Structures are given as structure tokens and as C-alpha cells.
C-alpha atoms as a PDB file:
ATOM      1  CA  MET A   1      48.048  65.988 -42.430  1.00  0.00           C
ATOM      2  CA  SER A   2      50.463  62.952 -42.478  1.00  0.00           C
ATOM      3  CA  HIS A   3      49.483  62.094 -38.981  1.00  0.00           C
ATOM      4  CA  LYS A   4      45.602  61.253 -40.400  1.00  0.00           C
ATOM      5  CA  THR A   5      46.821  59.364 -43.438  1.00  0.00           C
ATOM      6  CA  LEU A   6      49.340  56.950 -41.068  1.00  0.00           C
ATOM      7  CA  SER A   7      46.275  56.598 -39.012  1.00  0.00           C
ATOM      8  CA  ILE A   8      44.234  55.368 -42.046  1.00  0.00           C
ATOM      9  CA  SER A   9      46.866  53.531 -43.329  1.00  0.00           C
ATOM     10  CA  ARG A  10      46.845  51.155 -40.333  1.00  0.00           C
ATOM     11  CA  LEU A  11      43.447  50.748 -40.202  1.00  0.00           C
ATOM     12  CA  THR A  12      43.384  49.622 -43.942  1.00  0.00           C
ATOM     13  CA  SER A  13      46.351  47.437 -42.698  1.00  0.00           C
ATOM     14  CA  LEU A  14      44.352  46.009 -39.691  1.00  0.00           C
ATOM     15  CA  PHE A  15      41.160  45.138 -41.645  1.00  0.00           C
ATOM     16  CA  SER A  16      42.908  44.010 -44.619  1.00  0.00           C
ATOM     17  CA  GLY A  17      45.247  41.159 -42.137  1.00  0.00           C
ATOM     18  CA  VAL A  18      41.689  40.742 -40.343  1.00  0.00           C
ATOM     19  CA  ALA A  19      40.055  39.813 -43.664  1.00  0.00           C
ATOM     20  CA  ILE A  20      42.616  37.460 -45.154  1.00  0.00           C
ATOM     21  CA  ALA A  21      42.567  35.651 -41.807  1.00  0.00           C
ATOM     22  CA  VAL A  22      38.857  35.135 -42.314  1.00  0.00           C
ATOM     23  CA  LEU A  23      39.299  33.694 -45.852  1.00  0.00           C
ATOM     24  CA  LEU A  24      42.359  31.353 -44.771  1.00  0.00           C
ATOM     25  CA  VAL A  25      40.841  29.731 -41.790  1.00  0.00           C
ATOM     26  CA  GLY A  26      37.572  29.095 -43.696  1.00  0.00           C
ATOM     27  CA  PRO A  27      33.703  28.948 -43.108  1.00  0.00           C
ATOM     28  CA  GLY A  28      33.924  25.369 -41.890  1.00  0.00           C
ATOM     29  CA  CYS A  29      35.903  26.364 -38.564  1.00  0.00           C
ATOM     30  CA  PHE A  30      32.509  29.023 -37.402  1.00  0.00           C
ATOM     31  CA  HIS A  31      30.183  26.211 -37.468  1.00  0.00           C
ATOM     32  CA  PRO A  32      29.213  24.747 -33.902  1.00  0.00           C
ATOM     33  CA  PRO A  33      30.531  21.436 -33.081  1.00  0.00           C
ATOM     34  CA  GLU A  34      28.353  18.674 -33.800  1.00  0.00           C
ATOM     35  CA  ASP A  35      26.656  16.647 -30.370  1.00  0.00           C
ATOM     36  CA  GLU A  36      25.401  13.514 -29.896  1.00  0.00           C
ATOM     37  CA  LEU A  37      21.776  14.989 -29.663  1.00  0.00           C
ATOM     38  CA  THR A  38      22.393  15.943 -33.195  1.00  0.00           C
ATOM     39  CA  ASN A  39      23.961  12.788 -34.467  1.00  0.00           C
ATOM     40  CA  GLY A  40      20.835  10.883 -32.601  1.00  0.00           C
ATOM     41  CA  VAL A  41      18.532  12.785 -34.945  1.00  0.00           C
ATOM     42  CA  VAL A  42      20.176  13.117 -37.663  1.00  0.00           C
ATOM     43  CA  ALA A  43      20.841   9.088 -37.615  1.00  0.00           C
ATOM     44  CA  GLY A  44      16.786   8.232 -36.651  1.00  0.00           C
ATOM     45  CA  GLU A  45      15.841   5.795 -34.392  1.00  0.00           C
ATOM     46  CA  ARG A  46      17.458   2.449 -34.761  1.00  0.00           C
ATOM     47  CA  PRO A  47      16.640  -1.062 -34.623  1.00  0.00           C
ATOM     48  CA  VAL A  48      15.926  -2.377 -30.651  1.00  0.00           C
ATOM     49  CA  ALA A  49      19.103  -2.792 -28.789  1.00  0.00           C
ATOM     50  CA  MET A  50      17.082  -3.447 -25.114  1.00  0.00           C
ATOM     51  CA  GLU A  51      14.525  -4.617 -24.312  1.00  0.00           C
ATOM     52  CA  GLY A  52      12.654  -6.570 -21.245  1.00  0.00           C
ATOM     53  CA  THR A  53       8.637  -7.958 -20.319  1.00  0.00           C
ATOM     54  CA  GLY A  54       7.155  -8.065 -17.234  1.00  0.00           C
ATOM     55  CA  ALA A  55       3.610  -9.822 -16.785  1.00  0.00           C
ATOM     56  CA  PHE A  56       1.030  -7.839 -14.939  1.00  0.00           C
ATOM     57  CA  PHE A  57      -2.515  -8.805 -13.303  1.00  0.00           C
ATOM     58  CA  ALA A  58      -1.477 -12.199 -13.544  1.00  0.00           C
ATOM     59  CA  GLY A  59      -0.684 -12.136 -17.130  1.00  0.00           C
ATOM     60  CA  ARG A  60      -3.509 -10.606 -18.778  1.00  0.00           C
ATOM     61  CA  VAL A  61      -1.636  -7.372 -18.995  1.00  0.00           C
ATOM     62  CA  VAL A  62       2.218  -7.615 -20.434  1.00  0.00           C
ATOM     63  CA  ALA A  63       4.170  -4.762 -20.399  1.00  0.00           C
ATOM     64  CA  LYS A  64       7.407  -4.621 -22.955  1.00  0.00           C
ATOM     65  CA  VAL A  65      10.311  -2.085 -22.770  1.00  0.00           C
ATOM     66  CA  THR A  66      12.444  -1.496 -25.512  1.00  0.00           C
ATOM     67  CA  LEU A  67      15.892   1.494 -26.059  1.00  0.00           C
ATOM     68  CA  SER A  68      17.193   1.839 -29.372  1.00  0.00           C
ATOM     69  CA  ARG A  69      19.777   4.454 -29.954  1.00  0.00           C
ATOM     70  CA  GLY A  70      18.636   7.706 -32.026  1.00  0.00           C
ATOM     71  CA  ILE A  71      15.725   9.548 -32.437  1.00  0.00           C
ATOM     72  CA  GLY A  72      12.570   9.557 -35.112  1.00  0.00           C
ATOM     73  CA  LYS A  73      13.339   9.218 -38.583  1.00  0.00           C
ATOM     74  CA  GLY A  74      16.162  10.872 -39.061  1.00  0.00           C
ATOM     75  CA  ILE A  75      17.168  13.707 -41.069  1.00  0.00           C
ATOM     76  CA  LYS A  76      19.639  13.231 -44.028  1.00  0.00           C
ATOM     77  CA  ARG A  77      22.468  15.466 -45.181  1.00  0.00           C
ATOM     78  CA  GLY A  78      22.127  16.075 -48.711  1.00  0.00           C
ATOM     79  CA  LYS A  79      21.957  18.857 -51.363  1.00  0.00           C
ATOM     80  CA  GLY A  80      19.080  21.615 -51.360  1.00  0.00           C
ATOM     81  CA  ASP A  81      16.139  21.831 -48.720  1.00  0.00           C
ATOM     82  CA  ARG A  82      17.262  18.374 -46.928  1.00  0.00           C
ATOM     83  CA  ASP A  83      20.807  19.781 -46.345  1.00  0.00           C
ATOM     84  CA  LYS A  84      18.550  23.451 -45.200  1.00  0.00           C
ATOM     85  CA  THR A  85      16.500  20.710 -42.359  1.00  0.00           C
ATOM     86  CA  TYR A  86      19.843  19.372 -40.975  1.00  0.00           C
ATOM     87  CA  GLN A  87      21.383  22.315 -40.963  1.00  0.00           C
ATOM     88  CA  ASP A  88      18.333  24.172 -39.205  1.00  0.00           C
ATOM     89  CA  TYR A  89      18.441  21.685 -36.231  1.00  0.00           C
ATOM     90  CA  ALA A  90      22.240  21.549 -35.943  1.00  0.00           C
ATOM     91  CA  ASP A  91      22.351  25.521 -35.420  1.00  0.00           C
ATOM     92  CA  ASN A  92      19.228  25.327 -33.437  1.00  0.00           C
ATOM     93  CA  LYS A  93      19.961  27.310 -30.286  1.00  0.00           C
ATOM     94  CA  ASP A  94      16.711  26.261 -28.331  1.00  0.00           C
ATOM     95  CA  LYS A  95      17.798  22.488 -28.231  1.00  0.00           C
ATOM     96  CA  THR A  96      18.822  21.326 -24.957  1.00  0.00           C
ATOM     97  CA  VAL A  97      21.988  19.622 -24.877  1.00  0.00           C
ATOM     98  CA  ILE A  98      22.811  17.828 -21.743  1.00  0.00           C
ATOM     99  CA  GLY A  99      26.330  17.389 -22.483  1.00  0.00           C
ATOM    100  CA  SER A 100      26.435  13.767 -22.094  1.00  0.00           C
ATOM    101  CA  PRO A 101      29.146  11.992 -24.305  1.00  0.00           C
ATOM    102  CA  LEU A 102      26.555   8.765 -24.499  1.00  0.00           C
ATOM    103  CA  PRO A 103      24.210   8.881 -27.433  1.00  0.00           C
ATOM    104  CA  PRO A 104      20.959   9.691 -26.655  1.00  0.00           C
ATOM    105  CA  VAL A 105      18.486   6.563 -26.615  1.00  0.00           C
ATOM    106  CA  THR A 106      14.688   6.068 -27.386  1.00  0.00           C
ATOM    107  CA  LEU A 107      12.098   4.345 -24.890  1.00  0.00           C
ATOM    108  CA  HIS A 108       9.180   2.394 -26.173  1.00  0.00           C
ATOM    109  CA  LEU A 109       6.845   0.993 -22.979  1.00  0.00           C
ATOM    110  CA  LEU A 110       4.655  -1.521 -24.929  1.00  0.00           C
ATOM    111  CA  LEU A 111       1.401  -2.896 -23.623  1.00  0.00           C
ATOM    112  CA  THR A 112      -0.044  -6.344 -24.752  1.00  0.00           C
ATOM    113  CA  ASN A 113      -3.903  -6.831 -23.746  1.00  0.00           C
ATOM    114  CA  THR A 114      -3.740 -11.046 -23.551  1.00  0.00           C
ATOM    115  CA  GLY A 115      -6.973 -11.009 -22.370  1.00  0.00           C
ATOM    116  CA  PRO A 116     -10.663 -11.620 -23.966  1.00  0.00           C
ATOM    117  CA  ASP A 117     -12.008  -8.818 -23.370  1.00  0.00           C
ATOM    118  CA  PRO A 118     -10.845  -4.744 -24.128  1.00  0.00           C
ATOM    119  CA  VAL A 119      -9.222  -3.369 -21.212  1.00  0.00           C
ATOM    120  CA  THR A 120      -8.419   0.141 -20.286  1.00  0.00           C
ATOM    121  CA  VAL A 121      -4.741   0.666 -18.577  1.00  0.00           C
ATOM    122  CA  GLU A 122      -3.305   3.538 -16.425  1.00  0.00           C
ATOM    123  CA  MET A 123       0.525   4.029 -16.471  1.00  0.00           C
ATOM    124  CA  VAL A 124       1.478   5.311 -13.528  1.00  0.00           C
ATOM    125  CA  ASP A 125       4.726   5.186 -13.041  1.00  0.00           C
ATOM    126  CA  PHE A 126       7.821   4.751 -15.763  1.00  0.00           C
ATOM    127  CA  VAL A 127      11.325   5.060 -14.404  1.00  0.00           C
ATOM    128  CA  SER A 128      14.498   4.471 -14.369  1.00  0.00           C
ATOM    129  CA  GLU A 129      18.007   5.853 -14.133  1.00  0.00           C
ATOM    130  CA  LEU A 130      17.139   7.587 -17.783  1.00  0.00           C
ATOM    131  CA  GLY A 131      14.817   9.255 -16.083  1.00  0.00           C
ATOM    132  CA  ASN A 132      10.874   9.392 -14.355  1.00  0.00           C
ATOM    133  CA  PHE A 133       8.808  10.224 -17.471  1.00  0.00           C
ATOM    134  CA  ALA A 134       5.387  11.688 -17.946  1.00  0.00           C
ATOM    135  CA  LEU A 135       3.939   8.833 -20.106  1.00  0.00           C
ATOM    136  CA  ASP A 136       1.136  10.406 -22.699  1.00  0.00           C
ATOM    137  CA  PRO A 137      -1.647   9.381 -22.687  1.00  0.00           C
ATOM    138  CA  ASP A 138      -1.454   8.192 -19.651  1.00  0.00           C
ATOM    139  CA  LYS A 139      -4.442   5.827 -19.889  1.00  0.00           C
ATOM    140  CA  LEU A 140      -5.026   3.164 -22.807  1.00  0.00           C
ATOM    141  CA  THR A 141      -8.031   1.187 -24.190  1.00  0.00           C
ATOM    142  CA  ILE A 142      -6.389  -1.717 -25.497  1.00  0.00           C
ATOM    143  CA  GLY A 143      -8.367  -4.624 -27.704  1.00  0.00           C
ATOM    144  CA  ALA A 144      -8.263  -7.959 -27.115  1.00  0.00           C
ATOM    145  CA  GLY A 145      -5.084  -9.394 -28.256  1.00  0.00           C
ATOM    146  CA  ALA A 146      -3.951  -6.446 -29.135  1.00  0.00           C
ATOM    147  CA  THR A 147      -0.946  -3.843 -28.581  1.00  0.00           C
ATOM    148  CA  ALA A 148      -0.809  -0.378 -27.787  1.00  0.00           C
ATOM    149  CA  GLU A 149       1.780   2.261 -26.676  1.00  0.00           C
ATOM    150  CA  PRO A 150       1.456   6.099 -25.666  1.00  0.00           C
ATOM    151  CA  THR A 151       4.490   8.293 -27.325  1.00  0.00           C
ATOM    152  CA  SER A 152       7.517   7.353 -27.164  1.00  0.00           C
ATOM    153  CA  MET A 153      10.390   8.651 -25.044  1.00  0.00           C
ATOM    154  CA  VAL A 154      13.578  10.068 -25.112  1.00  0.00           C
ATOM    155  CA  SER A 155      17.062  10.124 -22.681  1.00  0.00           C
ATOM    156  CA  GLN A 156      20.106  12.325 -23.538  1.00  0.00           C
ATOM    157  CA  LEU A 157      21.336  10.558 -20.835  1.00  0.00           C
ATOM    158  CA  GLY A 158      22.289   7.286 -22.485  1.00  0.00           C
ATOM    159  CA  VAL A 159      22.975   3.552 -21.807  1.00  0.00           C
ATOM    160  CA  SER A 160      25.996   2.554 -20.115  1.00  0.00           C
ATOM    161  CA  SER A 161      25.398  -0.752 -18.591  1.00  0.00           C
ATOM    162  CA  ASP A 162      24.251  -4.099 -20.486  1.00  0.00           C
ATOM    163  CA  VAL A 163      21.320  -4.322 -17.951  1.00  0.00           C
ATOM    164  CA  MET A 164      19.003  -1.340 -16.584  1.00  0.00           C
ATOM    165  CA  PRO A 165      16.175  -1.811 -14.102  1.00  0.00           C
ATOM    166  CA  PHE A 166      13.018   0.123 -15.131  1.00  0.00           C
ATOM    167  CA  LYS A 167      10.058  -0.025 -12.472  1.00  0.00           C
ATOM    168  CA  VAL A 168       6.758   0.210 -14.466  1.00  0.00           C
ATOM    169  CA  THR A 169       3.269   0.856 -12.090  1.00  0.00           C
ATOM    170  CA  LEU A 170       0.173   0.036 -14.274  1.00  0.00           C
ATOM    171  CA  ARG A 171      -3.536   0.345 -12.512  1.00  0.00           C
ATOM    172  CA  ILE A 172      -6.744  -1.383 -13.882  1.00  0.00           C
ATOM    173  CA  GLY A 173      -9.733  -0.069 -12.235  1.00  0.00           C
ATOM    174  CA  LYS A 174      -8.701   0.123  -8.284  1.00  0.00           C
ATOM    175  CA  ALA A 175      -5.978  -2.726  -8.879  1.00  0.00           C
ATOM    176  CA  LYS A 176      -2.436  -0.944  -9.199  1.00  0.00           C
ATOM    177  CA  GLU A 177       0.948  -3.208  -9.694  1.00  0.00           C
ATOM    178  CA  SER A 178       4.539  -2.271  -9.594  1.00  0.00           C
ATOM    179  CA  GLN A 179       7.021  -4.126 -11.176  1.00  0.00           C
ATOM    180  CA  THR A 180      10.963  -4.021 -11.709  1.00  0.00           C
ATOM    181  CA  VAL A 181      11.545  -4.568 -15.101  1.00  0.00           C
ATOM    182  CA  GLN A 182      14.953  -5.720 -16.257  1.00  0.00           C
ATOM    183  CA  VAL A 183      15.961  -4.403 -19.823  1.00  0.00           C
ATOM    184  CA  ARG A 184      19.166  -5.988 -21.290  1.00  0.00           C
ATOM    185  CA  ILE A 185      20.853  -6.138 -24.406  1.00  0.00           C
ATOM    186  CA  VAL A 186      18.990  -7.941 -27.496  1.00  0.00           C
ATOM    187  CA  HIS A 187      21.012  -6.294 -30.401  1.00  0.00           C
ATOM    188  CA  PRO A 188      24.427  -7.635 -31.819  1.00  0.00           C
ATOM    189  CA  ALA A 189      27.327  -6.341 -29.685  1.00  0.00           C
ATOM    190  CA  GLY A 190      28.015  -2.662 -31.241  1.00  0.00           C
ATOM    191  CA  ASP A 191      25.137  -1.160 -31.093  1.00  0.00           C
ATOM    192  CA  MET A 192      24.585  -0.528 -27.377  1.00  0.00           C
ATOM    193  CA  PRO A 193      27.834  -0.556 -25.681  1.00  0.00           C
ATOM    194  CA  ALA A 194      28.457  -2.646 -22.406  1.00  0.00           C
ATOM    195  CA  ALA A 195      29.729  -0.186 -19.235  1.00  0.00           C
ATOM    196  CA  LYS A 196      33.797  -0.179 -18.711  1.00  0.00           C
END
């Protein structure tokens, strides 16, 4: 009987020790560390930091590529539902985290029709060191003097230089044209770091 009492006493001591350790360490230590993707979504998309333009089809269409840090409209950290929204995102195990130490960026491809008539432009390629992006939709009808763009794209690779070439290929009817658009820093220093 004394052997059983000794085992129970040891188990009670062990459980008490674990409970005290959990209370001392605190629940904050069990949250996953924040990553740059989470930080980018929480901050939201910032003002344009880099941009470049190219004139296609003898100037009939002007393509403008922009990059900015952050993603979407942002998630506020606060009390109640807002805090729950942030926590649901931060703890989401299904989100893809590539592990780049650089902040993610949002890319836009804006097409302006400089001509007097509407034009339908197919976006064939949009390629850079940030990735080979599939544009959605891949075809836009743009009114005279108007600007349109496909859905913005996000790269988790981040930007590590102050100039980045983008290969842009467009098609109007049977005519197809490719150009390398040089995208450069335009925002005040500090929002998009130069390469070291």
C-alpha cells in the first residue's frame, strides 16, 4: 500500500510542477512567431514605392508596373472582432509562408489606352525575378483615354534591389509586342530598401 501511495505522491508532484511551469511561462510564449507575410497583410498595401512604364504599339497602349509593400486593406489589431480577425489570419496553418526575410509586395499592371477608340488588349506575359504571374483576367477592353488593370498580384519573395526588370508581353488582335520595363524606386527612402 505504501508503494501505491508513493507513486501517487510522485505523480501529484509532477503535475503540480508542470502546472506551475505553464503559469510562469505564460500563454504568450505559445503563439507562433510573426512572419513577414502576416506583417504585410496586417499593415495593408502602402503607397507605390517602385514603378516603371513602357509604350506599346507605337504608343497606342502605355503599360505601367507598380510595386508597393503590404497586401490588401490591412487588418487592425484591437479588441473584440477585429482582434479575432487578426488572430484567425496569424494562426492560419493553411497560409503559404516561403520564408523570405523581406516583406511581401503587391504588384499592379495598369494599361492606358491613348487612342481615340476602345481597344482589347491581351496580356500574354508578366515575368520578373518576383515570379511568372498569370494575369486575371488576361484580356481587357479599355475605352478611349481610359486605364484598366487585371487583379493585383502578390509576391512573397520581396524586393532586394532599387531597379527590377519586368518582361511585359501584350497582344492586340494579331499584333504582339514584348518589352522589358525597368521598375525603379520612386517613394522616399525607407519604404523599399536598396540592395546591400
